[in-house]
Amino acid sequence: MSVLTHRFTAHRAIPAAVVLLVSVLSACNTIPPLRSSPSPAAAVAAVLPAHHRYNTCFPSLADPAATPAAPTSAATLPSPTGSSSPSETGSQSSAVLAEANSFMSSFTTGNFASQWQFLDPEAAAQWPGVAARTAMLDAKFPAGSIAGYTLGTPQPNATWVNRETLATASGLWAVPVTLTFTHPTLLHPADIPSLYAVLNLEIRLGASGASVVGEGPASPDAPIILPAALPAPHPLHVPILMYHNIAPPPSPSWYSSAYAYRLDASLTVSPGQFAQEMGWFSENGFHAISLTRLLDAILYQLPLPSRPVVITFDDGRSGPFTYAVPILKQYGMTATFFITTQLIGIEVPGHAYLTWPAVSALNSEGFWIEDHTLKDNVSFWYGNRATVAAIIAQSTAAIVSHITIHPQFIAYTGMWPYASPATAGPLTPPVFSLVSTYGYVGGVIDSSENSNVVSSTNPLYLPRIRVNPNEALSTFVHSLGTAAGIPIPFTSAPHTGVLVPAAAHTPMPPATPRTCTTGWS
């Protein structure tokens, strides 16, 4: 079945009570080992085995096993289908359903700690430990908020993707799960009940039993639910990088004017430069995270891995698909692609954009697809409100219709209208109210000041660090700030950056050729 993994409409802006600092990195005296996926375990024993406490993202944290809770009858389980299948398949399906029922029974009763015993090592590795996982789910799903669940028919040969590390696990069973809420009309965003009606559990069957790999509604990457009461303000130091195109330098002959060439050249970072920057992150113990994971930390207090960084690409150009994705996959780094939906499929010299099959491929590989409007050509801050509303409605509908994902984050069109992103004024509240109505819980901005020198108090306007072409690695590192213990001036030996050939990545799926008669930004 199609899995709708993101969001829908809402009517609530996030207040400024949560302080999010994006000026510098988390302080870290010891560079942690790089992340890697642990080898899959054959089964989960009744008592939590020691390897479940190993976590590659949080190597210093290990929590004791939680005492299992007896499963409850919280679901109506349909009989497995496929009467023509071998008896062994039927037996496996029953085992999968039993595991899914035990896992979800603990979930609906709020016994989140007992779920830890069911987790496969690949699932457990996403969390700092059982205590942190329990605390986050307690905050996200308060006592009494979950009414029940229903499991669908297990489907074999499923694949799970860790959307933070891009690691995959295949040969699993997918079990559709529908979560129901006690007070659905009080939820924000408003269509959370619809989003949590179409999630999957992914379950591994081994020689000794079953284990949960994909946690469905309990996953740290499940749709964001805004809490009724915001947590106390707490600082988070996370740089958000803004790239546009990753490609060889453009040719002046592709453009109708010198200005158009200079504009596009200023947005194009070379593959070699990008490889050097990502290689430096990898060598220095940084962890790429999604914006969803960032809000997990803001709203639910989930600890972030050491030295977190968010990588974003604006516009939906095809260059990052060809040149950046192989490098990101090499280092196990996720990224967010803000796409312009009415430019999809256009391919003219200097302006080549993703195709919808390519967007779908990025999503399937674990990258995040979010919204950058239709053509990125109408300022949100100065544009007509009705026009902006129509743009948001059309762009989100296009994403949902093509890849069944509703975006929860938006990259606004137009430069931030104030001198500093730390300052908001009368132009911004109407925009925040509007995007909240369409289900967005976070937004990134383009400002004249980078986020290494400013901070934001609202996830609806997160400043970013613009990465410029031909930027020396020392300049790039300096722009990240000094709080992570990075020596300034930069003194480490620069990473040479081995570029993965584009041929190592599947070529971008084609689309019907299109032309565009409007301008680009």
Protein backbone atom coordinates (compact mmCIF):
# COMPACT_ATOMS: atom_id res chain seq x y z
CA MET A 1 0.00 0.00 0.00
CA SER A 2 1.05 3.58 -0.42
CA VAL A 3 2.42 5.06 2.76
CA LEU A 4 1.67 8.70 3.52
CA THR A 5 4.58 9.57 5.74
CA HIS A 6 4.05 13.26 6.41
CA ARG A 7 1.51 15.83 7.22
CA PHE A 8 -1.69 17.70 6.30
CA THR A 9 -3.58 20.82 7.34
CA ALA A 10 -3.29 22.64 10.63
CA HIS A 11 -4.31 25.91 12.19
CA ARG A 12 -1.67 26.72 14.72
CA ALA A 13 1.60 28.57 14.74
CA ILE A 14 4.37 27.53 17.07
CA PRO A 15 4.78 30.18 19.77
CA ALA A 16 8.14 31.70 20.49
CA ALA A 17 8.46 30.02 23.87
CA VAL A 18 10.86 27.41 22.54
CA VAL A 19 14.28 28.90 22.06
CA LEU A 20 16.14 27.41 19.12
CA LEU A 21 19.64 28.67 18.60
CA VAL A 22 21.08 27.88 15.21
CA SER A 23 24.12 30.05 15.52
CA VAL A 24 26.75 27.49 16.40
CA LEU A 25 27.35 23.81 16.85
CA SER A 26 26.94 21.68 19.95
CA ALA A 27 30.01 21.70 22.13
CA CYS A 28 31.79 18.38 22.01
CA ASN A 29 35.19 17.76 23.51
CA THR A 30 35.59 14.28 22.10
CA ILE A 31 34.91 13.55 18.46
CA PRO A 32 32.68 10.46 18.35
CA PRO A 33 33.23 7.53 16.02
CA LEU A 34 31.45 7.71 12.69
CA ARG A 35 28.04 6.13 12.44
CA SER A 36 27.66 2.70 10.98
CA SER A 37 24.83 0.23 10.89
CA PRO A 38 25.14 -2.66 13.34
CA SER A 39 24.81 -6.17 11.97
CA PRO A 40 21.23 -7.43 12.08
CA ALA A 41 20.39 -9.82 14.91
CA ALA A 42 18.57 -13.04 14.24
CA ALA A 43 15.95 -12.49 16.91
CA VAL A 44 14.95 -10.72 20.06
CA ALA A 45 15.05 -12.73 23.24
CA ALA A 46 12.52 -12.42 26.06
CA VAL A 47 15.15 -10.58 28.09
CA LEU A 48 16.80 -7.65 26.31
CA PRO A 49 20.17 -8.82 24.96
CA ALA A 50 23.22 -6.67 25.46
CA HIS A 51 23.57 -5.85 21.75
CA HIS A 52 20.27 -3.96 21.90
CA ARG A 53 21.95 -1.43 24.13
CA TYR A 54 24.64 -0.62 21.57
CA ASN A 55 24.01 2.58 19.66
CA THR A 56 26.25 3.91 16.92
CA CYS A 57 24.83 7.45 16.93
CA PHE A 58 25.13 7.75 20.71
CA PRO A 59 28.08 5.43 21.52
CA SER A 60 28.44 6.60 25.11
CA LEU A 61 24.84 5.94 26.10
CA ALA A 62 23.44 2.59 27.13
CA ASP A 63 20.23 1.99 29.00
CA PRO A 64 19.21 -1.09 30.93
CA ALA A 65 16.53 -3.32 29.51
CA ALA A 66 12.97 -2.51 30.33
CA THR A 67 10.70 -5.13 31.82
CA PRO A 68 8.32 -6.42 29.15
CA ALA A 69 4.62 -5.81 29.56
CA ALA A 70 2.02 -8.42 28.74
CA PRO A 71 0.36 -7.72 25.38
CA THR A 72 -3.17 -6.40 25.49
CA SER A 73 -6.01 -6.93 23.07
CA ALA A 74 -5.98 -3.46 21.58
CA ALA A 75 -6.41 -4.33 17.92
CA THR A 76 -8.71 -6.10 15.57
CA LEU A 77 -6.52 -8.37 13.51
CA PRO A 78 -7.72 -9.45 10.08
CA SER A 79 -6.79 -12.93 8.96
CA PRO A 80 -3.72 -13.07 6.70
CA THR A 81 -4.59 -13.30 3.04
CA GLY A 82 -3.07 -15.49 0.34
CA SER A 83 -4.72 -18.88 0.75
CA SER A 84 -2.70 -20.16 -2.20
CA SER A 85 0.59 -19.41 -0.45
CA PRO A 86 2.66 -22.20 1.12
CA SER A 87 1.87 -23.04 4.72
CA GLU A 88 5.25 -21.69 5.75
CA THR A 89 4.27 -18.21 4.50
CA GLY A 90 1.08 -18.38 6.53
CA SER A 91 3.03 -19.34 9.62
CA GLN A 92 5.46 -16.46 9.08
CA SER A 93 2.58 -14.03 8.61
CA SER A 94 1.07 -15.16 11.91
CA ALA A 95 4.40 -14.68 13.69
CA VAL A 96 4.70 -11.20 12.21
CA LEU A 97 1.19 -10.28 13.34
CA ALA A 98 1.88 -11.55 16.84
CA GLU A 99 5.02 -9.39 17.07
CA ALA A 100 3.21 -6.35 15.67
CA ASN A 101 0.32 -6.83 18.11
CA SER A 102 2.64 -7.09 21.10
CA PHE A 103 4.55 -4.00 20.03
CA MET A 104 1.44 -1.91 19.39
CA SER A 105 -0.34 -3.11 22.53
CA SER A 106 2.48 -1.67 24.60
CA PHE A 107 2.33 1.51 22.53
CA THR A 108 -1.37 2.19 22.93
CA THR A 109 -1.23 1.68 26.68
CA GLY A 110 1.67 4.12 26.94
CA ASN A 111 4.08 1.42 28.07
CA PHE A 112 6.83 2.72 25.82
CA ALA A 113 9.70 1.35 27.87
CA SER A 114 8.50 -2.21 27.36
CA GLN A 115 8.63 -1.74 23.60
CA TRP A 116 12.42 -1.65 23.73
CA GLN A 117 12.56 -5.44 24.04
CA PHE A 118 10.95 -5.79 20.59
CA LEU A 119 13.37 -3.51 18.75
CA ASP A 120 15.84 -4.83 16.23
CA PRO A 121 19.38 -3.45 16.71
CA GLU A 122 18.89 -1.27 13.64
CA ALA A 123 15.85 0.32 15.26
CA ALA A 124 17.47 0.65 18.68
CA ALA A 125 20.49 2.37 17.07
CA GLN A 126 18.28 5.35 16.18
CA TRP A 127 17.81 6.23 19.83
CA PRO A 128 20.17 7.42 22.60
CA GLY A 129 18.64 4.64 24.73
CA VAL A 130 15.43 3.35 26.23
CA ALA A 131 15.09 6.22 28.70
CA ALA A 132 15.38 8.91 26.02
CA ARG A 133 12.98 7.05 23.75
CA THR A 134 10.45 6.64 26.53
CA ALA A 135 10.68 10.32 27.52
CA MET A 136 10.14 11.47 23.94
CA LEU A 137 7.12 9.23 23.34
CA ASP A 138 5.66 10.23 26.72
CA ALA A 139 5.89 13.87 25.61
CA LYS A 140 4.54 13.22 22.11
CA PHE A 141 1.72 10.88 23.15
CA PRO A 142 0.47 11.95 26.62
CA ALA A 143 -1.33 9.42 28.78
CA GLY A 144 -4.79 8.66 27.49
CA SER A 145 -4.26 10.29 24.08
CA ILE A 146 -4.21 7.03 22.11
CA ALA A 147 -7.54 5.22 21.77
CA GLY A 148 -6.36 2.11 19.91
CA TYR A 149 -4.95 0.70 16.71
CA THR A 150 -5.74 -1.67 13.88
CA LEU A 151 -3.27 -3.85 12.02
CA GLY A 152 -3.59 -4.71 8.34
CA THR A 153 -2.41 -7.71 6.36
CA PRO A 154 1.37 -8.33 6.53
CA GLN A 155 3.20 -8.03 3.21
CA PRO A 156 6.56 -9.77 2.67
CA ASN A 157 9.68 -8.49 0.90
CA ALA A 158 9.49 -4.99 2.35
CA THR A 159 12.43 -2.59 2.66
CA TRP A 160 13.01 -0.12 5.48
CA VAL A 161 15.17 3.00 5.21
CA ASN A 162 16.72 4.84 8.12
CA ARG A 163 15.92 8.40 7.08
CA GLU A 164 18.77 9.82 9.15
CA THR A 165 21.65 7.57 8.05
CA LEU A 166 20.25 6.21 4.75
CA ALA A 167 20.95 2.67 5.91
CA THR A 168 18.50 0.10 4.53
CA ALA A 169 17.18 -3.27 5.62
CA SER A 170 15.46 -5.59 3.16
CA GLY A 171 13.61 -8.88 3.31
CA LEU A 172 11.24 -7.54 5.98
CA TRP A 173 7.50 -7.79 6.51
CA ALA A 174 5.43 -4.60 6.31
CA VAL A 175 2.36 -4.40 8.53
CA PRO A 176 -0.02 -1.46 7.92
CA VAL A 177 -1.05 0.17 11.18
CA THR A 178 -3.85 2.66 11.84
CA LEU A 179 -3.62 4.64 15.05
CA THR A 180 -6.74 6.20 16.54
CA PHE A 181 -6.75 9.08 19.01
CA THR A 182 -8.98 9.79 21.99
CA HIS A 183 -9.50 13.46 21.07
CA PRO A 184 -8.65 13.75 17.36
CA THR A 185 -10.17 17.21 16.95
CA LEU A 186 -7.72 18.65 19.46
CA LEU A 187 -4.63 17.54 17.55
CA HIS A 188 -2.31 19.92 15.73
CA PRO A 189 -1.81 19.73 12.79
CA ALA A 190 -5.50 18.99 12.33
CA ASP A 191 -5.11 16.03 9.97
CA ILE A 192 -2.80 14.06 12.24
CA PRO A 193 -5.46 11.30 12.48
CA SER A 194 -5.22 10.82 8.70
CA LEU A 195 -1.44 10.76 8.75
CA TYR A 196 -1.31 8.17 11.51
CA ALA A 197 -3.83 6.00 9.67
CA VAL A 198 -1.37 5.01 6.95
CA LEU A 199 1.94 4.12 8.62
CA ASN A 200 3.79 0.80 8.46
CA LEU A 201 5.63 -1.38 10.90
CA GLU A 202 8.57 -3.25 9.33
CA ILE A 203 9.38 -6.53 11.03
CA ARG A 204 12.33 -8.86 10.60
CA LEU A 205 11.89 -12.61 10.99
CA GLY A 206 14.95 -14.52 12.13
CA ALA A 207 15.76 -18.06 13.09
CA SER A 208 14.77 -17.45 16.71
CA GLY A 209 11.94 -14.99 16.38
CA ALA A 210 10.84 -11.56 15.20
CA SER A 211 12.05 -8.00 15.83
CA VAL A 212 10.72 -4.57 14.91
CA VAL A 213 12.88 -2.55 12.51
CA GLY A 214 10.50 0.17 11.35
CA GLU A 215 8.47 1.49 14.30
CA GLY A 216 5.59 3.14 12.43
CA PRO A 217 3.90 5.65 14.78
CA ALA A 218 6.67 5.22 17.36
CA SER A 219 9.44 6.09 14.91
CA PRO A 220 11.49 9.22 15.62
CA ASP A 221 10.75 10.21 12.02
CA ALA A 222 6.96 9.85 12.32
CA PRO A 223 4.86 12.97 11.61
CA ILE A 224 5.34 15.81 14.06
CA ILE A 225 2.47 16.41 16.50
CA LEU A 226 2.54 19.81 18.15
CA PRO A 227 2.25 19.42 21.93
CA ALA A 228 -0.59 21.09 23.81
CA ALA A 229 1.94 22.57 26.24
CA LEU A 230 5.33 23.61 24.95
CA PRO A 231 8.44 22.47 26.84
CA ALA A 232 10.60 24.89 28.76
CA PRO A 233 12.98 26.89 26.55
CA HIS A 234 16.30 25.18 25.93
CA PRO A 235 19.10 26.07 23.54
CA LEU A 236 20.07 23.83 20.63
CA HIS A 237 23.14 24.59 18.54
CA VAL A 238 22.55 23.24 15.03
CA PRO A 239 23.82 24.81 11.77
CA ILE A 240 21.42 24.54 8.82
CA LEU A 241 23.29 24.65 5.51
CA MET A 242 21.68 26.07 2.36
CA TYR A 243 22.83 24.79 -1.01
CA HIS A 244 21.14 25.31 -4.36
CA ASN A 245 22.90 23.56 -7.22
CA ILE A 246 25.79 21.09 -7.08
CA ALA A 247 27.25 20.89 -10.59
CA PRO A 248 30.21 21.94 -12.71
CA PRO A 249 30.37 25.69 -13.30
CA PRO A 250 27.80 26.95 -15.81
CA SER A 251 28.75 28.43 -19.18
CA PRO A 252 27.99 32.11 -19.92
CA SER A 253 26.69 31.03 -23.34
CA TRP A 254 23.67 29.38 -21.68
CA TYR A 255 22.18 32.66 -20.50
CA SER A 256 20.48 35.62 -22.12
CA SER A 257 22.30 38.17 -19.96
CA ALA A 258 25.42 38.57 -17.89
CA TYR A 259 23.24 39.06 -14.81
CA ALA A 260 21.45 35.74 -15.33
CA TYR A 261 24.79 33.98 -15.66
CA ARG A 262 26.24 35.61 -12.55
CA LEU A 263 23.12 34.74 -10.55
CA ASP A 264 23.20 31.09 -11.51
CA ALA A 265 26.97 30.85 -11.04
CA SER A 266 26.56 32.24 -7.53
CA LEU A 267 24.19 29.35 -6.72
CA THR A 268 26.38 26.57 -8.15
CA VAL A 269 28.82 24.76 -5.87
CA SER A 270 31.20 22.38 -7.62
CA PRO A 271 31.04 18.63 -6.91
CA GLY A 272 34.64 18.73 -5.68
CA GLN A 273 33.93 21.49 -3.17
CA PHE A 274 30.82 19.69 -1.90
CA ALA A 275 32.75 16.42 -1.54
CA GLN A 276 35.45 18.22 0.43
CA GLU A 277 32.90 19.76 2.80
CA MET A 278 31.03 16.50 3.42
CA GLY A 279 34.30 14.65 3.84
CA TRP A 280 35.37 17.17 6.47
CA PHE A 281 32.09 16.61 8.33
CA SER A 282 32.63 12.86 8.26
CA GLU A 283 36.23 13.05 9.42
CA ASN A 284 35.31 15.36 12.30
CA GLY A 285 32.44 13.37 13.76
CA PHE A 286 29.44 15.36 12.52
CA HIS A 287 26.00 13.80 12.07
CA ALA A 288 23.56 15.00 9.43
CA ILE A 289 20.01 15.14 10.77
CA SER A 290 16.62 15.96 9.30
CA LEU A 291 14.45 18.92 10.22
CA THR A 292 12.00 16.44 11.69
CA ARG A 293 14.68 15.15 14.03
CA LEU A 294 15.49 18.74 14.94
CA LEU A 295 11.88 19.31 15.98
CA ASP A 296 11.93 16.03 17.91
CA ALA A 297 14.59 17.71 20.01
CA ILE A 298 12.78 21.04 20.27
CA LEU A 299 9.31 19.73 21.05
CA TYR A 300 9.92 16.38 22.72
CA GLN A 301 13.39 16.83 24.24
CA LEU A 302 14.94 13.94 22.28
CA PRO A 303 18.74 14.30 22.57
CA LEU A 304 20.49 14.94 19.28
CA PRO A 305 23.62 13.08 18.20
CA SER A 306 26.90 14.88 18.73
CA ARG A 307 27.76 17.66 16.30
CA PRO A 308 24.47 17.72 14.39
CA VAL A 309 24.11 19.53 11.08
CA VAL A 310 21.15 19.96 8.71
CA ILE A 311 21.84 19.88 4.95
CA THR A 312 19.28 21.49 2.62
CA PHE A 313 19.00 22.05 -1.12
CA ASP A 314 16.67 24.71 -2.56
CA ASP A 315 14.88 24.78 -5.93
CA GLY A 316 14.87 21.09 -6.88
CA ARG A 317 17.72 21.25 -9.40
CA SER A 318 18.91 18.00 -10.97
CA GLY A 319 22.56 18.72 -10.14
CA PRO A 320 22.32 17.59 -6.49
CA PHE A 321 20.69 14.33 -7.62
CA THR A 322 23.59 13.61 -9.97
CA TYR A 323 26.54 14.94 -7.99
CA ALA A 324 25.59 15.38 -4.31
CA VAL A 325 23.51 12.27 -3.62
CA PRO A 326 26.36 9.79 -4.28
CA ILE A 327 28.55 11.71 -1.82
CA LEU A 328 25.82 11.89 0.82
CA LYS A 329 25.17 8.16 0.47
CA GLN A 330 28.90 7.46 0.75
CA TYR A 331 28.98 9.17 4.16
CA GLY A 332 25.50 8.11 5.34
CA MET A 333 24.23 11.69 5.50
CA THR A 334 20.60 12.60 5.02
CA ALA A 335 19.47 15.85 3.40
CA THR A 336 16.31 17.84 2.72
CA PHE A 337 15.29 18.80 -0.81
CA PHE A 338 13.00 21.84 -1.08
CA ILE A 339 11.43 21.45 -4.53
CA THR A 340 9.64 23.94 -6.79
CA THR A 341 6.79 21.83 -8.14
CA GLN A 342 6.00 23.72 -11.36
CA LEU A 343 9.64 23.57 -12.47
CA ILE A 344 9.79 19.78 -12.15
CA GLY A 345 10.94 18.16 -15.39
CA ILE A 346 12.23 21.32 -17.05
CA GLU A 347 15.59 20.87 -18.73
CA VAL A 348 17.16 23.78 -20.55
CA PRO A 349 20.82 24.85 -20.46
CA GLY A 350 21.56 26.24 -17.03
CA HIS A 351 18.18 25.25 -15.62
CA ALA A 352 17.80 21.48 -15.27
CA TYR A 353 15.34 20.34 -12.63
CA LEU A 354 14.42 17.03 -11.06
CA THR A 355 11.79 14.83 -12.63
CA TRP A 356 8.96 13.38 -10.54
CA PRO A 357 10.47 9.87 -10.82
CA ALA A 358 13.71 11.33 -9.46
CA VAL A 359 11.86 13.00 -6.59
CA SER A 360 10.22 9.66 -5.81
CA ALA A 361 13.61 7.93 -5.94
CA LEU A 362 15.08 10.44 -3.48
CA ASN A 363 12.22 9.82 -1.08
CA SER A 364 12.61 6.05 -1.40
CA GLU A 365 16.33 6.33 -0.64
CA GLY A 366 15.65 8.12 2.65
CA PHE A 367 16.00 11.78 1.70
CA TRP A 368 13.37 14.31 2.71
CA ILE A 369 11.13 16.09 0.21
CA GLU A 370 9.74 19.41 1.35
CA ASP A 371 8.11 22.45 -0.25
CA HIS A 372 9.67 25.46 -1.99
CA THR A 373 6.42 26.61 -3.65
CA LEU A 374 5.55 26.49 -7.36
CA LYS A 375 8.31 28.52 -9.04
CA ASP A 376 9.95 30.38 -6.14
CA ASN A 377 9.00 33.68 -7.78
CA VAL A 378 6.38 35.27 -5.49
CA SER A 379 7.61 36.79 -2.24
CA PHE A 380 5.79 35.41 0.77
CA TRP A 381 6.50 38.58 2.72
CA TYR A 382 5.21 41.11 0.18
CA GLY A 383 2.95 39.04 -2.05
CA ASN A 384 -0.84 39.09 -2.02
CA ARG A 385 -2.12 36.80 0.75
CA ALA A 386 -4.65 35.05 -1.49
CA THR A 387 -1.97 34.48 -4.14
CA VAL A 388 0.44 33.04 -1.61
CA ALA A 389 -2.30 30.79 -0.20
CA ALA A 390 -3.09 29.46 -3.67
CA ILE A 391 0.61 28.78 -4.29
CA ILE A 392 0.94 26.80 -1.05
CA ALA A 393 -2.22 24.82 -1.77
CA GLN A 394 -1.08 23.90 -5.28
CA SER A 395 2.50 23.03 -4.39
CA THR A 396 1.56 20.81 -1.46
CA ALA A 397 -1.14 19.10 -3.54
CA ALA A 398 1.41 18.39 -6.28
CA ILE A 399 3.81 16.73 -3.84
CA VAL A 400 1.05 14.66 -2.26
CA SER A 401 -0.33 13.54 -5.63
CA HIS A 402 3.04 12.41 -6.97
CA ILE A 403 4.75 10.81 -3.98
CA THR A 404 2.00 10.57 -1.31
CA ILE A 405 4.01 12.71 1.10
CA HIS A 406 2.65 15.88 2.59
CA PRO A 407 5.44 18.37 3.34
CA GLN A 408 5.74 19.69 6.86
CA PHE A 409 8.53 22.18 6.24
CA ILE A 410 8.72 25.04 3.78
CA ALA A 411 11.50 27.17 2.30
CA TYR A 412 9.95 30.61 1.90
CA THR A 413 10.27 32.58 -1.31
CA GLY A 414 11.87 36.00 -0.87
CA MET A 415 14.67 37.34 1.28
CA TRP A 416 13.87 37.77 4.96
CA PRO A 417 12.31 41.26 5.14
CA TYR A 418 14.24 42.42 8.21
CA ALA A 419 17.85 43.25 8.91
CA SER A 420 18.36 40.13 11.00
CA PRO A 421 16.53 36.81 11.22
CA ALA A 422 16.59 37.30 14.97
CA THR A 423 14.05 40.06 14.35
CA ALA A 424 10.48 39.52 13.18
CA GLY A 425 7.96 42.21 12.42
CA PRO A 426 4.46 42.88 11.12
CA LEU A 427 5.13 41.22 7.76
CA THR A 428 5.74 37.80 9.26
CA PRO A 429 2.76 36.80 11.47
CA PRO A 430 0.29 36.61 8.54
CA VAL A 431 2.69 34.32 6.68
CA PHE A 432 3.27 32.08 9.69
CA SER A 433 -0.48 31.83 10.29
CA LEU A 434 -1.05 30.92 6.65
CA VAL A 435 1.60 28.19 6.41
CA SER A 436 0.45 26.76 9.74
CA THR A 437 -3.05 26.48 8.28
CA TYR A 438 -1.60 24.23 5.59
CA GLY A 439 0.10 21.94 8.07
CA TYR A 440 3.62 23.34 8.21
CA VAL A 441 5.38 23.24 11.55
CA GLY A 442 8.76 24.59 10.43
CA GLY A 443 10.16 26.97 7.84
CA VAL A 444 13.63 27.97 6.65
CA ILE A 445 14.52 31.44 5.48
CA ASP A 446 17.09 33.15 3.28
CA SER A 447 18.57 36.13 5.06
CA SER A 448 21.42 38.55 4.60
CA GLU A 449 23.03 37.20 7.78
CA ASN A 450 24.09 33.61 8.23
CA SER A 451 22.92 31.56 11.18
CA ASN A 452 26.41 31.48 12.66
CA VAL A 453 25.78 35.01 13.97
CA VAL A 454 22.04 35.05 14.63
CA SER A 455 19.49 32.91 16.40
CA SER A 456 15.79 32.19 16.06
CA THR A 457 13.15 31.72 18.72
CA ASN A 458 10.59 30.13 16.39
CA PRO A 459 10.89 26.97 14.24
CA LEU A 460 8.74 28.72 11.61
CA TYR A 461 11.69 30.95 10.73
CA LEU A 462 14.96 29.07 10.91
CA PRO A 463 17.96 30.95 9.47
CA ARG A 464 20.51 29.06 7.43
CA ILE A 465 24.15 29.27 6.40
CA ARG A 466 24.47 29.94 2.68
CA VAL A 467 27.29 27.90 1.15
CA ASN A 468 29.00 29.84 -1.64
CA PRO A 469 30.90 28.51 -4.65
CA ASN A 470 34.70 28.56 -4.62
CA GLU A 471 34.64 28.89 -0.85
CA ALA A 472 37.83 27.79 0.87
CA LEU A 473 37.35 24.97 3.34
CA SER A 474 38.71 27.21 6.11
CA THR A 475 36.00 29.78 5.30
CA PHE A 476 33.34 27.08 5.30
CA VAL A 477 34.48 25.78 8.68
CA HIS A 478 34.66 29.27 10.10
CA SER A 479 31.05 29.92 9.08
CA LEU A 480 29.93 27.06 11.32
CA GLY A 481 31.06 28.84 14.46
CA THR A 482 33.46 27.96 17.25
CA ALA A 483 31.32 26.27 19.90
CA ALA A 484 32.11 22.76 18.66
CA GLY A 485 35.75 23.12 19.56
CA ILE A 486 36.79 23.80 15.96
CA PRO A 487 40.03 25.80 15.97
CA ILE A 488 39.62 29.27 14.46
CA PRO A 489 41.60 30.13 12.45
CA PHE A 490 41.30 26.74 10.80
CA THR A 491 44.46 24.70 11.23
CA SER A 492 43.52 21.08 10.46
CA ALA A 493 44.74 19.45 7.29
CA PRO A 494 41.97 19.92 4.72
CA HIS A 495 40.11 16.87 3.49
CA THR A 496 40.93 16.13 -0.12
CA GLY A 497 37.41 14.94 -0.93
CA VAL A 498 37.18 11.90 -3.18
CA LEU A 499 34.27 12.50 -5.50
CA VAL A 500 32.10 9.48 -6.14
CA PRO A 501 31.56 9.26 -9.91
CA ALA A 502 28.07 10.11 -11.04
CA ALA A 503 27.88 6.69 -12.68
CA ALA A 504 27.83 5.17 -9.20
CA HIS A 505 24.35 6.58 -8.77
CA THR A 506 21.32 5.60 -10.80
CA PRO A 507 20.79 8.21 -13.55
CA MET A 508 17.87 10.53 -13.00
CA PRO A 509 14.67 9.03 -14.43
CA PRO A 510 13.56 10.94 -17.53
CA ALA A 511 10.44 12.97 -17.96
CA THR A 512 8.62 14.44 -20.93
CA PRO A 513 10.70 17.44 -22.14
CA ARG A 514 9.26 20.77 -21.06
CA THR A 515 10.12 24.39 -21.59
CA CYS A 516 9.72 27.29 -19.23
CA THR A 517 8.87 30.87 -20.16
CA THR A 518 9.18 32.37 -16.69
CA GLY A 519 12.23 33.46 -14.75
CA TRP A 520 14.08 31.52 -12.08
CA SER A 521 15.40 32.63 -8.74
